[in-house]
Amino acid sequence: EALLCIHGLGGSSNNWTPLLPALGGFRRIRP
């Protein structure tokens, strides 16, 4: 299933890199 990852002020797609183990069952979309 699609998962959209939205970072905050001063962030980037890398905000979500530490959590990738928990997101293995998704199609991860990190703009």
Full PDB file with SEQRES, HELIX, SHEET, SSBOND, CRYST1, ORIGX, SCALE, CONECT and MASTER records, all heavy atoms in Angstrom:
SEQRES   1 A   31  GLU ALA LEU LEU CYS ILE HIS GLY LEU GLY GLY SER SER          
SEQRES   2 A   31  ASN ASN TRP THR PRO LEU LEU PRO ALA LEU GLY GLY PHE          
SEQRES   3 A   31  ARG ARG ILE ARG PRO                                          
HELIX    1 AA1 SER A   13  LEU A   23  5                                  11    
SHEET    1 AA1 2 ALA A   2  LEU A   4  0                                        
SHEET    2 AA1 2 ARG A  27  ILE A  29  1                                        
CRYST1    1.000    1.000    1.000  90.00  90.00  90.00 P 1           1          
ORIGX1      1.000000  0.000000  0.000000        0.00000                         
ORIGX2      0.000000  1.000000  0.000000        0.00000                         
ORIGX3      0.000000  0.000000  1.000000        0.00000                         
SCALE1      1.000000  0.000000  0.000000        0.00000                         
SCALE2      0.000000  1.000000  0.000000        0.00000                         
SCALE3      0.000000  0.000000  1.000000        0.00000                         
ATOM      1  N   GLU A   1       0.837  -1.187   0.000  1.00  0.00           N  
ATOM      2  CA  GLU A   1       0.000   0.000   0.000  1.00  0.00           C  
ATOM      3  C   GLU A   1       0.879   1.247   0.000  1.00  0.00           C  
ATOM      4  O   GLU A   1       1.976   1.263   0.559  1.00  0.00           O  
ATOM      5  CB  GLU A   1      -0.897   0.021   1.245  1.00  0.00           C  
ATOM      6  CG  GLU A   1      -1.924  -1.069   1.293  1.00  0.00           C  
ATOM      7  CD  GLU A   1      -2.809  -0.929   2.521  1.00  0.00           C  
ATOM      8  OE1 GLU A   1      -2.436  -1.473   3.574  1.00  0.00           O  
ATOM      9  OE2 GLU A   1      -3.853  -0.265   2.428  1.00  0.00           O  
ATOM     10  N   ALA A   2       0.360   2.305  -0.620  1.00  0.00           N  
ATOM     11  CA  ALA A   2       1.142   3.532  -0.735  1.00  0.00           C  
ATOM     12  C   ALA A   2       1.221   4.246   0.611  1.00  0.00           C  
ATOM     13  O   ALA A   2       0.239   4.326   1.358  1.00  0.00           O  
ATOM     14  CB  ALA A   2       0.515   4.454  -1.772  1.00  0.00           C  
ATOM     15  N   LEU A   3       2.405   4.764   0.910  1.00  0.00           N  
ATOM     16  CA  LEU A   3       2.652   5.519   2.131  1.00  0.00           C  
ATOM     17  C   LEU A   3       3.360   6.810   1.745  1.00  0.00           C  
ATOM     18  O   LEU A   3       4.479   6.786   1.230  1.00  0.00           O  
ATOM     19  CB  LEU A   3       3.520   4.720   3.106  1.00  0.00           C  
ATOM     20  CG  LEU A   3       3.969   5.449   4.369  1.00  0.00           C  
ATOM     21  CD1 LEU A   3       2.788   5.713   5.289  1.00  0.00           C  
ATOM     22  CD2 LEU A   3       5.041   4.650   5.105  1.00  0.00           C  
ATOM     23  N   LEU A   4       2.716   7.934   2.002  1.00  0.00           N  
ATOM     24  CA  LEU A   4       3.286   9.246   1.714  1.00  0.00           C  
ATOM     25  C   LEU A   4       3.952   9.776   2.974  1.00  0.00           C  
ATOM     26  O   LEU A   4       3.317   9.854   4.035  1.00  0.00           O  
ATOM     27  CB  LEU A   4       2.190  10.203   1.248  1.00  0.00           C  
ATOM     28  CG  LEU A   4       2.613  11.651   0.981  1.00  0.00           C  
ATOM     29  CD1 LEU A   4       3.608  11.725  -0.183  1.00  0.00           C  
ATOM     30  CD2 LEU A   4       1.381  12.514   0.683  1.00  0.00           C  
ATOM     31  N   CYS A   5       5.223  10.168   2.873  1.00  0.00           N  
ATOM     32  CA  CYS A   5       6.019  10.609   4.019  1.00  0.00           C  
ATOM     33  C   CYS A   5       6.316  12.098   3.864  1.00  0.00           C  
ATOM     34  O   CYS A   5       7.029  12.489   2.928  1.00  0.00           O  
ATOM     35  CB  CYS A   5       7.320   9.824   4.088  1.00  0.00           C  
ATOM     36  SG  CYS A   5       7.112   8.017   4.033  1.00  0.00           S  
ATOM     37  N   ILE A   6       5.794  12.918   4.766  1.00  0.00           N  
ATOM     38  CA  ILE A   6       5.892  14.378   4.645  1.00  0.00           C  
ATOM     39  C   ILE A   6       6.765  14.921   5.772  1.00  0.00           C  
ATOM     40  O   ILE A   6       6.383  14.858   6.946  1.00  0.00           O  
ATOM     41  CB  ILE A   6       4.503  15.037   4.691  1.00  0.00           C  
ATOM     42  CG1 ILE A   6       3.543  14.381   3.690  1.00  0.00           C  
ATOM     43  CG2 ILE A   6       4.612  16.531   4.398  1.00  0.00           C  
ATOM     44  CD1 ILE A   6       2.114  14.912   3.768  1.00  0.00           C  
ATOM     45  N   HIS A   7       7.909  15.464   5.418  1.00  0.00           N  
ATOM     46  CA  HIS A   7       8.824  16.004   6.430  1.00  0.00           C  
ATOM     47  C   HIS A   7       8.360  17.388   6.894  1.00  0.00           C  
ATOM     48  O   HIS A   7       7.394  17.958   6.372  1.00  0.00           O  
ATOM     49  CB  HIS A   7      10.247  16.063   5.880  1.00  0.00           C  
ATOM     50  CG  HIS A   7      10.425  17.046   4.757  1.00  0.00           C  
ATOM     51  ND1 HIS A   7      10.528  18.403   4.949  1.00  0.00           N  
ATOM     52  CD2 HIS A   7      10.524  16.861   3.407  1.00  0.00           C  
ATOM     53  CE1 HIS A   7      10.687  19.022   3.798  1.00  0.00           C  
ATOM     54  NE2 HIS A   7      10.673  18.108   2.838  1.00  0.00           N  
ATOM     55  N   GLY A   8       9.078  17.926   7.874  1.00  0.00           N  
ATOM     56  CA  GLY A   8       8.731  19.224   8.423  1.00  0.00           C  
ATOM     57  C   GLY A   8       9.702  20.314   8.017  1.00  0.00           C  
ATOM     58  O   GLY A   8      10.544  20.146   7.128  1.00  0.00           O  
ATOM     59  N   LEU A   9       9.611  21.444   8.684  1.00  0.00           N  
ATOM     60  CA  LEU A   9      10.461  22.597   8.424  1.00  0.00           C  
ATOM     61  C   LEU A   9      11.925  22.223   8.642  1.00  0.00           C  
ATOM     62  O   LEU A   9      12.290  21.686   9.690  1.00  0.00           O  
ATOM     63  CB  LEU A   9      10.064  23.736   9.366  1.00  0.00           C  
ATOM     64  CG  LEU A   9      10.884  25.015   9.298  1.00  0.00           C  
ATOM     65  CD1 LEU A   9      10.736  25.690   7.939  1.00  0.00           C  
ATOM     66  CD2 LEU A   9      10.457  25.972  10.409  1.00  0.00           C  
ATOM     67  N   GLY A  10      12.763  22.499   7.648  1.00  0.00           N  
ATOM     68  CA  GLY A  10      14.173  22.172   7.761  1.00  0.00           C  
ATOM     69  C   GLY A  10      14.494  20.712   7.544  1.00  0.00           C  
ATOM     70  O   GLY A  10      15.628  20.287   7.779  1.00  0.00           O  
ATOM     71  N   GLY A  11      13.522  19.940   7.089  1.00  0.00           N  
ATOM     72  CA  GLY A  11      13.710  18.510   6.908  1.00  0.00           C  
ATOM     73  C   GLY A  11      13.850  18.113   5.449  1.00  0.00           C  
ATOM     74  O   GLY A  11      13.999  18.945   4.548  1.00  0.00           O  
ATOM     75  N   SER A  12      13.789  16.817   5.219  1.00  0.00           N  
ATOM     76  CA  SER A  12      13.900  16.254   3.876  1.00  0.00           C  
ATOM     77  C   SER A  12      13.376  14.826   3.915  1.00  0.00           C  
ATOM     78  O   SER A  12      12.920  14.341   4.957  1.00  0.00           O  
ATOM     79  CB  SER A  12      15.361  16.253   3.413  1.00  0.00           C  
ATOM     80  OG  SER A  12      16.104  15.273   4.112  1.00  0.00           O  
ATOM     81  N   SER A  13      13.509  14.149   2.803  1.00  0.00           N  
ATOM     82  CA  SER A  13      13.118  12.739   2.756  1.00  0.00           C  
ATOM     83  C   SER A  13      13.894  11.909   3.769  1.00  0.00           C  
ATOM     84  O   SER A  13      13.448  10.845   4.191  1.00  0.00           O  
ATOM     85  CB  SER A  13      13.334  12.177   1.349  1.00  0.00           C  
ATOM     86  OG  SER A  13      14.705  12.250   0.990  1.00  0.00           O  
ATOM     87  N   ASN A  14      15.059  12.394   4.188  1.00  0.00           N  
ATOM     88  CA  ASN A  14      15.883  11.643   5.142  1.00  0.00           C  
ATOM     89  C   ASN A  14      15.294  11.602   6.547  1.00  0.00           C  
ATOM     90  O   ASN A  14      15.783  10.834   7.385  1.00  0.00           O  
ATOM     91  CB  ASN A  14      17.302  12.228   5.203  1.00  0.00           C  
ATOM     92  CG  ASN A  14      18.219  11.625   4.154  1.00  0.00           C  
ATOM     93  OD1 ASN A  14      18.039  10.481   3.760  1.00  0.00           O  
ATOM     94  ND2 ASN A  14      19.160  12.400   3.684  1.00  0.00           N  
ATOM     95  N   ASN A  15      14.278  12.415   6.831  1.00  0.00           N  
ATOM     96  CA  ASN A  15      13.616  12.309   8.132  1.00  0.00           C  
ATOM     97  C   ASN A  15      13.107  10.893   8.384  1.00  0.00           C  
ATOM     98  O   ASN A  15      12.953  10.477   9.540  1.00  0.00           O  
ATOM     99  CB  ASN A  15      12.433  13.277   8.223  1.00  0.00           C  
ATOM    100  CG  ASN A  15      12.861  14.672   8.593  1.00  0.00           C  
ATOM    101  OD1 ASN A  15      13.381  15.401   7.748  1.00  0.00           O  
ATOM    102  ND2 ASN A  15      12.659  15.055   9.845  1.00  0.00           N  
ATOM    103  N   TRP A  16      12.830  10.162   7.309  1.00  0.00           N  
ATOM    104  CA  TRP A  16      12.172   8.859   7.439  1.00  0.00           C  
ATOM    105  C   TRP A  16      13.134   7.698   7.314  1.00  0.00           C  
ATOM    106  O   TRP A  16      12.746   6.559   7.561  1.00  0.00           O  
ATOM    107  CB  TRP A  16      11.056   8.763   6.384  1.00  0.00           C  
ATOM    108  CG  TRP A  16      10.212   9.990   6.447  1.00  0.00           C  
ATOM    109  CD1 TRP A  16      10.120  10.999   5.530  1.00  0.00           C  
ATOM    110  CD2 TRP A  16       9.389  10.391   7.546  1.00  0.00           C  
ATOM    111  NE1 TRP A  16       9.302  11.991   5.991  1.00  0.00           N  
ATOM    112  CE2 TRP A  16       8.838  11.649   7.228  1.00  0.00           C  
ATOM    113  CE3 TRP A  16       9.070   9.791   8.777  1.00  0.00           C  
ATOM    114  CZ2 TRP A  16       7.980  12.321   8.091  1.00  0.00           C  
ATOM    115  CZ3 TRP A  16       8.223  10.464   9.654  1.00  0.00           C  
ATOM    116  CH2 TRP A  16       7.686  11.711   9.291  1.00  0.00           C  
ATOM    117  N   THR A  17      14.388   7.968   6.955  1.00  0.00           N  
ATOM    118  CA  THR A  17      15.353   6.887   6.794  1.00  0.00           C  
ATOM    119  C   THR A  17      15.483   6.019   8.052  1.00  0.00           C  
ATOM    120  O   THR A  17      15.533   4.787   7.945  1.00  0.00           O  
ATOM    121  CB  THR A  17      16.724   7.459   6.387  1.00  0.00           C  
ATOM    122  OG1 THR A  17      16.568   8.216   5.170  1.00  0.00           O  
ATOM    123  CG2 THR A  17      17.736   6.355   6.161  1.00  0.00           C  
ATOM    124  N   PRO A  18      15.511   6.612   9.266  1.00  0.00           N  
ATOM    125  CA  PRO A  18      15.646   5.755  10.451  1.00  0.00           C  
ATOM    126  C   PRO A  18      14.459   4.825  10.682  1.00  0.00           C  
ATOM    127  O   PRO A  18      14.584   3.857  11.442  1.00  0.00           O  
ATOM    128  CB  PRO A  18      15.769   6.767  11.606  1.00  0.00           C  
ATOM    129  CG  PRO A  18      16.238   8.026  10.973  1.00  0.00           C  
ATOM    130  CD  PRO A  18      15.582   8.047   9.631  1.00  0.00           C  
ATOM    131  N   LEU A  19      13.317   5.114  10.062  1.00  0.00           N  
ATOM    132  CA  LEU A  19      12.112   4.323  10.329  1.00  0.00           C  
ATOM    133  C   LEU A  19      11.821   3.303   9.241  1.00  0.00           C  
ATOM    134  O   LEU A  19      10.805   2.599   9.310  1.00  0.00           O  
ATOM    135  CB  LEU A  19      10.895   5.249  10.482  1.00  0.00           C  
ATOM    136  CG  LEU A  19      11.001   6.351  11.530  1.00  0.00           C  
ATOM    137  CD1 LEU A  19       9.649   7.021  11.715  1.00  0.00           C  
ATOM    138  CD2 LEU A  19      11.507   5.824  12.866  1.00  0.00           C  
ATOM    139  N   LEU A  20      12.685   3.194   8.255  1.00  0.00           N  
ATOM    140  CA  LEU A  20      12.403   2.294   7.135  1.00  0.00           C  
ATOM    141  C   LEU A  20      12.138   0.852   7.567  1.00  0.00           C  
ATOM    142  O   LEU A  20      11.310   0.172   6.946  1.00  0.00           O  
ATOM    143  CB  LEU A  20      13.536   2.353   6.110  1.00  0.00           C  
ATOM    144  CG  LEU A  20      13.662   3.669   5.341  1.00  0.00           C  
ATOM    145  CD1 LEU A  20      14.797   3.598   4.332  1.00  0.00           C  
ATOM    146  CD2 LEU A  20      12.353   4.040   4.644  1.00  0.00           C  
ATOM    147  N   PRO A  21      12.783   0.346   8.636  1.00  0.00           N  
ATOM    148  CA  PRO A  21      12.456  -1.033   9.054  1.00  0.00           C  
ATOM    149  C   PRO A  21      10.985  -1.227   9.415  1.00  0.00           C  
ATOM    150  O   PRO A  21      10.455  -2.333   9.261  1.00  0.00           O  
ATOM    151  CB  PRO A  21      13.357  -1.250  10.271  1.00  0.00           C  
ATOM    152  CG  PRO A  21      14.523  -0.352  10.040  1.00  0.00           C  
ATOM    153  CD  PRO A  21      13.937   0.874   9.396  1.00  0.00           C  
ATOM    154  N   ALA A  22      10.334  -0.180   9.888  1.00  0.00           N  
ATOM    155  CA  ALA A  22       8.920  -0.292  10.256  1.00  0.00           C  
ATOM    156  C   ALA A  22       7.997  -0.107   9.065  1.00  0.00           C  
ATOM    157  O   ALA A  22       6.791  -0.331   9.180  1.00  0.00           O  
ATOM    158  CB  ALA A  22       8.574   0.740  11.328  1.00  0.00           C  
ATOM    159  N   LEU A  23       8.562   0.294   7.930  1.00  0.00           N  
ATOM    160  CA  LEU A  23       7.740   0.653   6.772  1.00  0.00           C  
ATOM    161  C   LEU A  23       7.952  -0.318   5.613  1.00  0.00           C  
ATOM    162  O   LEU A  23       7.658  -0.004   4.475  1.00  0.00           O  
ATOM    163  CB  LEU A  23       8.086   2.086   6.324  1.00  0.00           C  
ATOM    164  CG  LEU A  23       8.038   3.155   7.426  1.00  0.00           C  
ATOM    165  CD1 LEU A  23       8.474   4.511   6.883  1.00  0.00           C  
ATOM    166  CD2 LEU A  23       6.642   3.243   8.033  1.00  0.00           C  
ATOM    167  N   GLY A  24       8.427  -1.516   5.946  1.00  0.00           N  
ATOM    168  CA  GLY A  24       8.796  -2.466   4.910  1.00  0.00           C  
ATOM    169  C   GLY A  24       7.639  -2.981   4.080  1.00  0.00           C  
ATOM    170  O   GLY A  24       7.844  -3.434   2.960  1.00  0.00           O  
ATOM    171  N   GLY A  25       6.424  -2.925   4.609  1.00  0.00           N  
ATOM    172  CA  GLY A  25       5.284  -3.460   3.873  1.00  0.00           C  
ATOM    173  C   GLY A  25       4.573  -2.438   3.003  1.00  0.00           C  
ATOM    174  O   GLY A  25       3.469  -2.707   2.517  1.00  0.00           O  
ATOM    175  N   PHE A  26       5.218  -1.291   2.793  1.00  0.00           N  
ATOM    176  CA  PHE A  26       4.582  -0.206   2.043  1.00  0.00           C  
ATOM    177  C   PHE A  26       5.398   0.181   0.808  1.00  0.00           C  
ATOM    178  O   PHE A  26       6.615  -0.025   0.754  1.00  0.00           O  
ATOM    179  CB  PHE A  26       4.448   1.045   2.919  1.00  0.00           C  
ATOM    180  CG  PHE A  26       3.491   0.893   4.062  1.00  0.00           C  
ATOM    181  CD1 PHE A  26       3.954   0.575   5.327  1.00  0.00           C  
ATOM    182  CD2 PHE A  26       2.129   1.079   3.884  1.00  0.00           C  
ATOM    183  CE1 PHE A  26       3.086   0.449   6.395  1.00  0.00           C  
ATOM    184  CE2 PHE A  26       1.255   0.958   4.941  1.00  0.00           C  
ATOM    185  CZ  PHE A  26       1.729   0.640   6.201  1.00  0.00           C  
ATOM    186  N   ARG A  27       4.711   0.779  -0.138  1.00  0.00           N  
ATOM    187  CA  ARG A  27       5.377   1.516  -1.213  1.00  0.00           C  
ATOM    188  C   ARG A  27       5.621   2.922  -0.679  1.00  0.00           C  
ATOM    189  O   ARG A  27       4.688   3.705  -0.523  1.00  0.00           O  
ATOM    190  CB  ARG A  27       4.501   1.555  -2.465  1.00  0.00           C  
ATOM    191  CG  ARG A  27       5.142   2.287  -3.637  1.00  0.00           C  
ATOM    192  CD  ARG A  27       4.147   2.483  -4.757  1.00  0.00           C  
ATOM    193  NE  ARG A  27       4.748   3.149  -5.904  1.00  0.00           N  
ATOM    194  CZ  ARG A  27       4.052   3.722  -6.888  1.00  0.00           C  
ATOM    195  NH1 ARG A  27       2.705   3.689  -6.854  1.00  0.00           N  
ATOM    196  NH2 ARG A  27       4.660   4.312  -7.888  1.00  0.00           N  
ATOM    197  N   ARG A  28       6.846   3.242  -0.377  1.00  0.00           N  
ATOM    198  CA  ARG A  28       7.181   4.461   0.357  1.00  0.00           C  
ATOM    199  C   ARG A  28       7.483   5.599  -0.614  1.00  0.00           C  
ATOM    200  O   ARG A  28       8.362   5.488  -1.473  1.00  0.00           O  
ATOM    201  CB  ARG A  28       8.377   4.200   1.265  1.00  0.00           C  
ATOM    202  CG  ARG A  28       8.119   3.056   2.257  1.00  0.00           C  
ATOM    203  CD  ARG A  28       9.342   2.752   3.076  1.00  0.00           C  
ATOM    204  NE  ARG A  28      10.434   2.212   2.287  1.00  0.00           N  
ATOM    205  CZ  ARG A  28      10.878   0.958   2.377  1.00  0.00           C  
ATOM    206  NH1 ARG A  28      10.311   0.111   3.210  1.00  0.00           N  
ATOM    207  NH2 ARG A  28      11.894   0.551   1.646  1.00  0.00           N  
ATOM    208  N   ILE A  29       6.778   6.695  -0.439  1.00  0.00           N  
ATOM    209  CA  ILE A  29       6.913   7.870  -1.301  1.00  0.00           C  
ATOM    210  C   ILE A  29       7.395   9.019  -0.422  1.00  0.00           C  
ATOM    211  O   ILE A  29       6.666   9.496   0.445  1.00  0.00           O  
ATOM    212  CB  ILE A  29       5.561   8.214  -1.960  1.00  0.00           C  
ATOM    213  CG1 ILE A  29       5.065   7.013  -2.763  1.00  0.00           C  
ATOM    214  CG2 ILE A  29       5.666   9.456  -2.831  1.00  0.00           C  
ATOM    215  CD1 ILE A  29       3.575   6.968  -2.935  1.00  0.00           C  
ATOM    216  N   ARG A  30       8.648   9.429  -0.632  1.00  0.00           N  
ATOM    217  CA  ARG A  30       9.277  10.380   0.272  1.00  0.00           C  
ATOM    218  C   ARG A  30       9.738  11.618  -0.503  1.00  0.00           C  
ATOM    219  O   ARG A  30      10.864  11.683  -0.983  1.00  0.00           O  
ATOM    220  CB  ARG A  30      10.469   9.733   0.982  1.00  0.00           C  
ATOM    221  CG  ARG A  30      10.075   8.541   1.863  1.00  0.00           C  
ATOM    222  CD  ARG A  30      11.267   8.024   2.654  1.00  0.00           C  
ATOM    223  NE  ARG A  30      12.222   7.341   1.801  1.00  0.00           N  
ATOM    224  CZ  ARG A  30      13.512   7.150   2.106  1.00  0.00           C  
ATOM    225  NH1 ARG A  30      13.998   7.619   3.237  1.00  0.00           N  
ATOM    226  NH2 ARG A  30      14.305   6.490   1.286  1.00  0.00           N  
ATOM    227  N   PRO A  31       8.864  12.606  -0.621  1.00  0.00           N  
ATOM    228  CA  PRO A  31       9.262  13.818  -1.341  1.00  0.00           C  
ATOM    229  C   PRO A  31      10.025  14.793  -0.449  1.00  0.00           C  
ATOM    230  O   PRO A  31       9.872  14.806   0.774  1.00  0.00           O  
ATOM    231  CB  PRO A  31       7.915  14.424  -1.749  1.00  0.00           C  
ATOM    232  CG  PRO A  31       6.986  14.013  -0.635  1.00  0.00           C  
ATOM    233  CD  PRO A  31       7.447  12.633  -0.224  1.00  0.00           C  
TER     234      PRO A  31                                                      
MASTER        0    0    0    1    2    0    0    6  233    1    0    3          
END                                                                             
